Amino acid sequence: MDTSIHTMQTLFCQLGMAGDEEQINAFIEKYRPLPRNIALSEAAFWNEAQAAFLAEAVAEDSDWCELVDELDCLLREN
């Protein structure tokens, strides 16, 4: 059983992206605001594997789900 504590940094690393705070903030600034009518996993900036991971995390209410929701909220802010 995986008992790791996930953070936004580990989420970005899991997605194959840079996990440092500066890069995360730059990503969020670049892609927000994400329109409300587009699900996070359906955004054009994800590759197929990233989109599948995000969709699965939410659908299965996995231990990544809270962070995926947090990222979703950060990308919706103006």
PDB file of N, CA and C in Angstrom:
ATOM      1  N   MET A   1       0.836  -1.171   0.000  1.00  0.00           N
ATOM      2  CA  MET A   1       0.000   0.000   0.000  1.00  0.00           C
ATOM      3  C   MET A   1       0.887   1.242   0.000  1.00  0.00           C
ATOM      4  N   ASP A   2       0.601   2.162  -0.891  1.00  0.00           N
ATOM      5  CA  ASP A   2       1.355   3.401  -0.989  1.00  0.00           C
ATOM      6  C   ASP A   2       0.853   4.381   0.061  1.00  0.00           C
ATOM      7  N   THR A   3       1.728   4.754   0.982  1.00  0.00           N
ATOM      8  CA  THR A   3       1.341   5.691   2.030  1.00  0.00           C
ATOM      9  C   THR A   3       2.011   7.043   1.839  1.00  0.00           C
ATOM     10  N   SER A   4       2.495   7.301   0.638  1.00  0.00           N
ATOM     11  CA  SER A   4       3.148   8.571   0.348  1.00  0.00           C
ATOM     12  C   SER A   4       2.162   9.723   0.480  1.00  0.00           C
ATOM     13  N   ILE A   5       2.686  10.845   0.935  1.00  0.00           N
ATOM     14  CA  ILE A   5       1.880  12.055   0.971  1.00  0.00           C
ATOM     15  C   ILE A   5       2.136  12.792  -0.328  1.00  0.00           C
ATOM     16  N   HIS A   6       1.084  13.012  -1.064  1.00  0.00           N
ATOM     17  CA  HIS A   6       1.213  13.675  -2.356  1.00  0.00           C
ATOM     18  C   HIS A   6       1.123  15.182  -2.189  1.00  0.00           C
ATOM     19  N   THR A   7       1.893  15.873  -3.001  1.00  0.00           N
ATOM     20  CA  THR A   7       1.896  17.327  -3.020  1.00  0.00           C
ATOM     21  C   THR A   7       1.702  17.773  -4.469  1.00  0.00           C
ATOM     22  N   MET A   8       1.515  19.066  -4.668  1.00  0.00           N
ATOM     23  CA  MET A   8       1.399  19.575  -6.027  1.00  0.00           C
ATOM     24  C   MET A   8       2.684  19.259  -6.805  1.00  0.00           C
ATOM     25  N   GLN A   9       3.811  19.310  -6.120  1.00  0.00           N
ATOM     26  CA  GLN A   9       5.084  18.993  -6.772  1.00  0.00           C
ATOM     27  C   GLN A   9       5.117  17.538  -7.235  1.00  0.00           C
ATOM     28  N   THR A  10       4.638  16.622  -6.389  1.00  0.00           N
ATOM     29  CA  THR A  10       4.643  15.218  -6.797  1.00  0.00           C
ATOM     30  C   THR A  10       3.605  14.947  -7.879  1.00  0.00           C
ATOM     31  N   LEU A  11       2.508  15.696  -7.871  1.00  0.00           N
ATOM     32  CA  LEU A  11       1.524  15.554  -8.944  1.00  0.00           C
ATOM     33  C   LEU A  11       2.153  15.947 -10.280  1.00  0.00           C
ATOM     34  N   PHE A  12       2.831  17.072 -10.312  1.00  0.00           N
ATOM     35  CA  PHE A  12       3.461  17.503 -11.560  1.00  0.00           C
ATOM     36  C   PHE A  12       4.524  16.507 -12.005  1.00  0.00           C
ATOM     37  N   CYS A  13       5.284  15.968 -11.063  1.00  0.00           N
ATOM     38  CA  CYS A  13       6.271  14.945 -11.416  1.00  0.00           C
ATOM     39  C   CYS A  13       5.580  13.691 -11.957  1.00  0.00           C
ATOM     40  N   GLN A  14       4.467  13.312 -11.349  1.00  0.00           N
ATOM     41  CA  GLN A  14       3.693  12.157 -11.812  1.00  0.00           C
ATOM     42  C   GLN A  14       3.208  12.378 -13.252  1.00  0.00           C
ATOM     43  N   LEU A  15       2.933  13.620 -13.582  1.00  0.00           N
ATOM     44  CA  LEU A  15       2.491  13.971 -14.934  1.00  0.00           C
ATOM     45  C   LEU A  15       3.661  14.135 -15.899  1.00  0.00           C
ATOM     46  N   GLY A  16       4.876  13.928 -15.402  1.00  0.00           N
ATOM     47  CA  GLY A  16       6.055  14.026 -16.259  1.00  0.00           C
ATOM     48  C   GLY A  16       6.502  15.455 -16.510  1.00  0.00           C
ATOM     49  N   MET A  17       6.176  16.335 -15.579  1.00  0.00           N
ATOM     50  CA  MET A  17       6.483  17.751 -15.734  1.00  0.00           C
ATOM     51  C   MET A  17       7.418  18.192 -14.613  1.00  0.00           C
ATOM     52  N   ALA A  18       7.998  19.383 -14.787  1.00  0.00           N
ATOM     53  CA  ALA A  18       8.858  19.939 -13.746  1.00  0.00           C
ATOM     54  C   ALA A  18       8.044  20.160 -12.481  1.00  0.00           C
ATOM     55  N   GLY A  19       8.588  19.749 -11.351  1.00  0.00           N
ATOM     56  CA  GLY A  19       7.844  19.816 -10.102  1.00  0.00           C
ATOM     57  C   GLY A  19       8.261  20.928  -9.170  1.00  0.00           C
ATOM     58  N   ASP A  20       9.116  21.851  -9.654  1.00  0.00           N
ATOM     59  CA  ASP A  20       9.501  22.931  -8.751  1.00  0.00           C
ATOM     60  C   ASP A  20       8.440  24.027  -8.769  1.00  0.00           C
ATOM     61  N   GLU A  21       8.351  24.757  -7.670  1.00  0.00           N
ATOM     62  CA  GLU A  21       7.281  25.737  -7.477  1.00  0.00           C
ATOM     63  C   GLU A  21       7.234  26.783  -8.589  1.00  0.00           C
ATOM     64  N   GLU A  22       8.381  27.233  -9.026  1.00  0.00           N
ATOM     65  CA  GLU A  22       8.434  28.248 -10.081  1.00  0.00           C
ATOM     66  C   GLU A  22       7.822  27.731 -11.387  1.00  0.00           C
ATOM     67  N   GLN A  23       8.149  26.504 -11.754  1.00  0.00           N
ATOM     68  CA  GLN A  23       7.613  25.915 -12.985  1.00  0.00           C
ATOM     69  C   GLN A  23       6.112  25.642 -12.871  1.00  0.00           C
ATOM     70  N   ILE A  24       5.669  25.211 -11.708  1.00  0.00           N
ATOM     71  CA  ILE A  24       4.244  24.971 -11.482  1.00  0.00           C
ATOM     72  C   ILE A  24       3.470  26.281 -11.618  1.00  0.00           C
ATOM     73  N   ASN A  25       3.966  27.324 -10.968  1.00  0.00           N
ATOM     74  CA  ASN A  25       3.307  28.631 -11.060  1.00  0.00           C
ATOM     75  C   ASN A  25       3.283  29.155 -12.487  1.00  0.00           C
ATOM     76  N   ALA A  26       4.366  28.954 -13.221  1.00  0.00           N
ATOM     77  CA  ALA A  26       4.427  29.393 -14.616  1.00  0.00           C
ATOM     78  C   ALA A  26       3.406  28.630 -15.464  1.00  0.00           C
ATOM     79  N   PHE A  27       3.264  27.330 -15.222  1.00  0.00           N
ATOM     80  CA  PHE A  27       2.284  26.518 -15.942  1.00  0.00           C
ATOM     81  C   PHE A  27       0.871  27.034 -15.684  1.00  0.00           C
ATOM     82  N   ILE A  28       0.569  27.273 -14.418  1.00  0.00           N
ATOM     83  CA  ILE A  28      -0.768  27.748 -14.050  1.00  0.00           C
ATOM     84  C   ILE A  28      -1.047  29.104 -14.684  1.00  0.00           C
ATOM     85  N   GLU A  29      -0.078  30.000 -14.618  1.00  0.00           N
ATOM     86  CA  GLU A  29      -0.248  31.328 -15.220  1.00  0.00           C
ATOM     87  C   GLU A  29      -0.455  31.228 -16.730  1.00  0.00           C
ATOM     88  N   LYS A  30       0.262  30.325 -17.364  1.00  0.00           N
ATOM     89  CA  LYS A  30       0.185  30.175 -18.820  1.00  0.00           C
ATOM     90  C   LYS A  30      -1.186  29.671 -19.279  1.00  0.00           C
ATOM     91  N   TYR A  31      -1.771  28.755 -18.528  1.00  0.00           N
ATOM     92  CA  TYR A  31      -2.979  28.084 -19.007  1.00  0.00           C
ATOM     93  C   TYR A  31      -4.284  28.520 -18.350  1.00  0.00           C
ATOM     94  N   ARG A  32      -4.231  29.428 -17.412  1.00  0.00           N
ATOM     95  CA  ARG A  32      -5.493  29.877 -16.827  1.00  0.00           C
ATOM     96  C   ARG A  32      -5.936  31.164 -17.478  1.00  0.00           C
ATOM     97  N   PRO A  33      -7.196  31.451 -17.467  1.00  0.00           N
ATOM     98  CA  PRO A  33      -8.260  30.646 -16.884  1.00  0.00           C
ATOM     99  C   PRO A  33      -8.757  29.567 -17.859  1.00  0.00           C
ATOM    100  N   LEU A  34      -8.912  28.380 -17.341  1.00  0.00           N
ATOM    101  CA  LEU A  34      -9.472  27.276 -18.110  1.00  0.00           C
ATOM    102  C   LEU A  34     -10.983  27.455 -18.137  1.00  0.00           C
ATOM    103  N   PRO A  35     -11.582  27.484 -19.323  1.00  0.00           N
ATOM    104  CA  PRO A  35     -13.036  27.691 -19.396  1.00  0.00           C
ATOM    105  C   PRO A  35     -13.808  26.629 -18.613  1.00  0.00           C
ATOM    106  N   ARG A  36     -14.891  27.048 -17.992  1.00  0.00           N
ATOM    107  CA  ARG A  36     -15.720  26.159 -17.155  1.00  0.00           C
ATOM    108  C   ARG A  36     -16.319  24.989 -17.939  1.00  0.00           C
ATOM    109  N   ASN A  37     -16.502  25.170 -19.246  1.00  0.00           N
ATOM    110  CA  ASN A  37     -17.133  24.110 -20.041  1.00  0.00           C
ATOM    111  C   ASN A  37     -16.149  23.024 -20.492  1.00  0.00           C
ATOM    112  N   ILE A  38     -14.893  23.133 -20.079  1.00  0.00           N
ATOM    113  CA  ILE A  38     -13.882  22.132 -20.439  1.00  0.00           C
ATOM    114  C   ILE A  38     -13.420  21.433 -19.167  1.00  0.00           C
ATOM    115  N   ALA A  39     -13.574  20.129 -19.130  1.00  0.00           N
ATOM    116  CA  ALA A  39     -13.084  19.354 -17.986  1.00  0.00           C
ATOM    117  C   ALA A  39     -11.563  19.436 -17.955  1.00  0.00           C
ATOM    118  N   LEU A  40     -10.991  19.425 -16.773  1.00  0.00           N
ATOM    119  CA  LEU A  40      -9.543  19.534 -16.652  1.00  0.00           C
ATOM    120  C   LEU A  40      -8.836  18.510 -17.534  1.00  0.00           C
ATOM    121  N   SER A  41      -9.278  17.275 -17.491  1.00  0.00           N
ATOM    122  CA  SER A  41      -8.606  16.216 -18.260  1.00  0.00           C
ATOM    123  C   SER A  41      -8.793  16.367 -19.769  1.00  0.00           C
ATOM    124  N   GLU A  42      -9.713  17.217 -20.198  1.00  0.00           N
ATOM    125  CA  GLU A  42      -9.964  17.415 -21.627  1.00  0.00           C
ATOM    126  C   GLU A  42      -9.279  18.659 -22.186  1.00  0.00           C
ATOM    127  N   ALA A  43      -8.531  19.367 -21.340  1.00  0.00           N
ATOM    128  CA  ALA A  43      -7.833  20.563 -21.802  1.00  0.00           C
ATOM    129  C   ALA A  43      -6.789  20.178 -22.858  1.00  0.00           C
ATOM    130  N   ALA A  44      -6.635  21.032 -23.836  1.00  0.00           N
ATOM    131  CA  ALA A  44      -5.763  20.747 -24.981  1.00  0.00           C
ATOM    132  C   ALA A  44      -4.283  20.667 -24.627  1.00  0.00           C
ATOM    133  N   PHE A  45      -3.887  21.184 -23.468  1.00  0.00           N
ATOM    134  CA  PHE A  45      -2.465  21.212 -23.139  1.00  0.00           C
ATOM    135  C   PHE A  45      -1.927  19.915 -22.545  1.00  0.00           C
ATOM    136  N   TRP A  46      -2.793  18.931 -22.283  1.00  0.00           N
ATOM    137  CA  TRP A  46      -2.328  17.640 -21.779  1.00  0.00           C
ATOM    138  C   TRP A  46      -2.042  16.687 -22.922  1.00  0.00           C
ATOM    139  N   ASN A  47      -1.079  15.790 -22.728  1.00  0.00           N
ATOM    140  CA  ASN A  47      -0.925  14.711 -23.699  1.00  0.00           C
ATOM    141  C   ASN A  47      -1.892  13.596 -23.308  1.00  0.00           C
ATOM    142  N   GLU A  48      -1.959  12.564 -24.090  1.00  0.00           N
ATOM    143  CA  GLU A  48      -2.941  11.502 -23.873  1.00  0.00           C
ATOM    144  C   GLU A  48      -2.765  10.820 -22.512  1.00  0.00           C
ATOM    145  N   ALA A  49      -1.539  10.528 -22.136  1.00  0.00           N
ATOM    146  CA  ALA A  49      -1.275   9.852 -20.861  1.00  0.00           C
ATOM    147  C   ALA A  49      -1.627  10.754 -19.673  1.00  0.00           C
ATOM    148  N   GLN A  50      -1.290  12.021 -19.760  1.00  0.00           N
ATOM    149  CA  GLN A  50      -1.614  12.968 -18.691  1.00  0.00           C
ATOM    150  C   GLN A  50      -3.130  13.091 -18.520  1.00  0.00           C
ATOM    151  N   ALA A  51      -3.821  13.229 -19.637  1.00  0.00           N
ATOM    152  CA  ALA A  51      -5.273  13.361 -19.599  1.00  0.00           C
ATOM    153  C   ALA A  51      -5.918  12.116 -18.982  1.00  0.00           C
ATOM    154  N   ALA A  52      -5.423  10.950 -19.357  1.00  0.00           N
ATOM    155  CA  ALA A  52      -5.963   9.700 -18.820  1.00  0.00           C
ATOM    156  C   ALA A  52      -5.719   9.610 -17.313  1.00  0.00           C
ATOM    157  N   PHE A  53      -4.533   9.995 -16.872  1.00  0.00           N
ATOM    158  CA  PHE A  53      -4.216   9.959 -15.439  1.00  0.00           C
ATOM    159  C   PHE A  53      -5.151  10.874 -14.666  1.00  0.00           C
ATOM    160  N   LEU A  54      -5.353  12.087 -15.146  1.00  0.00           N
ATOM    161  CA  LEU A  54      -6.211  13.050 -14.460  1.00  0.00           C
ATOM    162  C   LEU A  54      -7.666  12.562 -14.410  1.00  0.00           C
ATOM    163  N   ALA A  55      -8.157  12.059 -15.523  1.00  0.00           N
ATOM    164  CA  ALA A  55      -9.538  11.564 -15.574  1.00  0.00           C
ATOM    165  C   ALA A  55      -9.716  10.370 -14.634  1.00  0.00           C
ATOM    166  N   GLU A  56      -8.748   9.472 -14.638  1.00  0.00           N
ATOM    167  CA  GLU A  56      -8.817   8.287 -13.787  1.00  0.00           C
ATOM    168  C   GLU A  56      -8.731   8.659 -12.305  1.00  0.00           C
ATOM    169  N   ALA A  57      -7.896   9.619 -11.975  1.00  0.00           N
ATOM    170  CA  ALA A  57      -7.756  10.050 -10.573  1.00  0.00           C
ATOM    171  C   ALA A  57      -9.092  10.518 -10.013  1.00  0.00           C
ATOM    172  N   VAL A  58      -9.835  11.256 -10.821  1.00  0.00           N
ATOM    173  CA  VAL A  58     -11.133  11.769 -10.379  1.00  0.00           C
ATOM    174  C   VAL A  58     -12.183  10.662 -10.387  1.00  0.00           C
ATOM    175  N   ALA A  59     -12.231   9.896 -11.470  1.00  0.00           N
ATOM    176  CA  ALA A  59     -13.250   8.851 -11.602  1.00  0.00           C
ATOM    177  C   ALA A  59     -13.133   7.795 -10.506  1.00  0.00           C
ATOM    178  N   GLU A  60     -11.903   7.475 -10.128  1.00  0.00           N
ATOM    179  CA  GLU A  60     -11.686   6.436  -9.124  1.00  0.00           C
ATOM    180  C   GLU A  60     -11.526   6.999  -7.711  1.00  0.00           C
ATOM    181  N   ASP A  61     -11.667   8.320  -7.585  1.00  0.00           N
ATOM    182  CA  ASP A  61     -11.489   8.978  -6.291  1.00  0.00           C
ATOM    183  C   ASP A  61     -10.192   8.500  -5.632  1.00  0.00           C
ATOM    184  N   SER A  62      -9.126   8.507  -6.424  1.00  0.00           N
ATOM    185  CA  SER A  62      -7.833   8.009  -5.958  1.00  0.00           C
ATOM    186  C   SER A  62      -7.204   8.978  -4.958  1.00  0.00           C
ATOM    187  N   ASP A  63      -6.070   8.581  -4.431  1.00  0.00           N
ATOM    188  CA  ASP A  63      -5.385   9.449  -3.481  1.00  0.00           C
ATOM    189  C   ASP A  63      -4.818  10.705  -4.154  1.00  0.00           C
ATOM    190  N   TRP A  64      -4.853  10.773  -5.461  1.00  0.00           N
ATOM    191  CA  TRP A  64      -4.442  11.969  -6.203  1.00  0.00           C
ATOM    192  C   TRP A  64      -5.606  12.929  -6.401  1.00  0.00           C
ATOM    193  N   CYS A  65      -6.814  12.492  -6.138  1.00  0.00           N
ATOM    194  CA  CYS A  65      -8.024  13.249  -6.475  1.00  0.00           C
ATOM    195  C   CYS A  65      -8.038  14.659  -5.880  1.00  0.00           C
ATOM    196  N   GLU A  66      -7.675  14.805  -4.616  1.00  0.00           N
ATOM    197  CA  GLU A  66      -7.694  16.136  -3.988  1.00  0.00           C
ATOM    198  C   GLU A  66      -6.743  17.100  -4.692  1.00  0.00           C
ATOM    199  N   LEU A  67      -5.570  16.615  -5.053  1.00  0.00           N
ATOM    200  CA  LEU A  67      -4.606  17.480  -5.739  1.00  0.00           C
ATOM    201  C   LEU A  67      -5.063  17.816  -7.148  1.00  0.00           C
ATOM    202  N   VAL A  68      -5.675  16.862  -7.819  1.00  0.00           N
ATOM    203  CA  VAL A  68      -6.214  17.129  -9.155  1.00  0.00           C
ATOM    204  C   VAL A  68      -7.307  18.191  -9.054  1.00  0.00           C
ATOM    205  N   ASP A  69      -8.160  18.087  -8.042  1.00  0.00           N
ATOM    206  CA  ASP A  69      -9.195  19.097  -7.818  1.00  0.00           C
ATOM    207  C   ASP A  69      -8.578  20.457  -7.509  1.00  0.00           C
ATOM    208  N   GLU A  70      -7.523  20.458  -6.708  1.00  0.00           N
ATOM    209  CA  GLU A  70      -6.840  21.714  -6.381  1.00  0.00           C
ATOM    210  C   GLU A  70      -6.258  22.353  -7.636  1.00  0.00           C
ATOM    211  N   LEU A  71      -5.609  21.542  -8.464  1.00  0.00           N
ATOM    212  CA  LEU A  71      -5.051  22.052  -9.729  1.00  0.00           C
ATOM    213  C   LEU A  71      -6.161  22.595 -10.606  1.00  0.00           C
ATOM    214  N   ASP A  72      -7.278  21.892 -10.665  1.00  0.00           N
ATOM    215  CA  ASP A  72      -8.434  22.349 -11.437  1.00  0.00           C
ATOM    216  C   ASP A  72      -8.868  23.741 -10.971  1.00  0.00           C
ATOM    217  N   CYS A  73      -8.986  23.906  -9.675  1.00  0.00           N
ATOM    218  CA  CYS A  73      -9.379  25.207  -9.114  1.00  0.00           C
ATOM    219  C   CYS A  73      -8.362  26.296  -9.451  1.00  0.00           C
ATOM    220  N   LEU A  74      -7.089  25.984  -9.331  1.00  0.00           N
ATOM    221  CA  LEU A  74      -6.052  26.978  -9.633  1.00  0.00           C
ATOM    222  C   LEU A  74      -6.090  27.403 -11.094  1.00  0.00           C
ATOM    223  N   LEU A  75      -6.420  26.466 -11.963  1.00  0.00           N
ATOM    224  CA  LEU A  75      -6.485  26.797 -13.395  1.00  0.00           C
ATOM    225  C   LEU A  75      -7.775  27.527 -13.777  1.00  0.00           C
ATOM    226  N   ARG A  76      -8.769  27.524 -12.920  1.00  0.00           N
ATOM    227  CA  ARG A  76     -10.034  28.227 -13.194  1.00  0.00           C
ATOM    228  C   ARG A  76      -9.999  29.664 -12.720  1.00  0.00           C
ATOM    229  N   GLU A  77      -9.108  29.999 -11.780  1.00  0.00           N
ATOM    230  CA  GLU A  77      -9.054  31.356 -11.232  1.00  0.00           C
ATOM    231  C   GLU A  77      -8.611  32.354 -12.299  1.00  0.00           C
ATOM    232  N   ASN A  78      -9.130  33.544 -12.191  1.00  0.00           N
ATOM    233  CA  ASN A  78      -8.720  34.611 -13.103  1.00  0.00           C
ATOM    234  C   ASN A  78      -7.522  35.328 -12.563  1.00  0.00           C
TER     235      ASN A  78
END
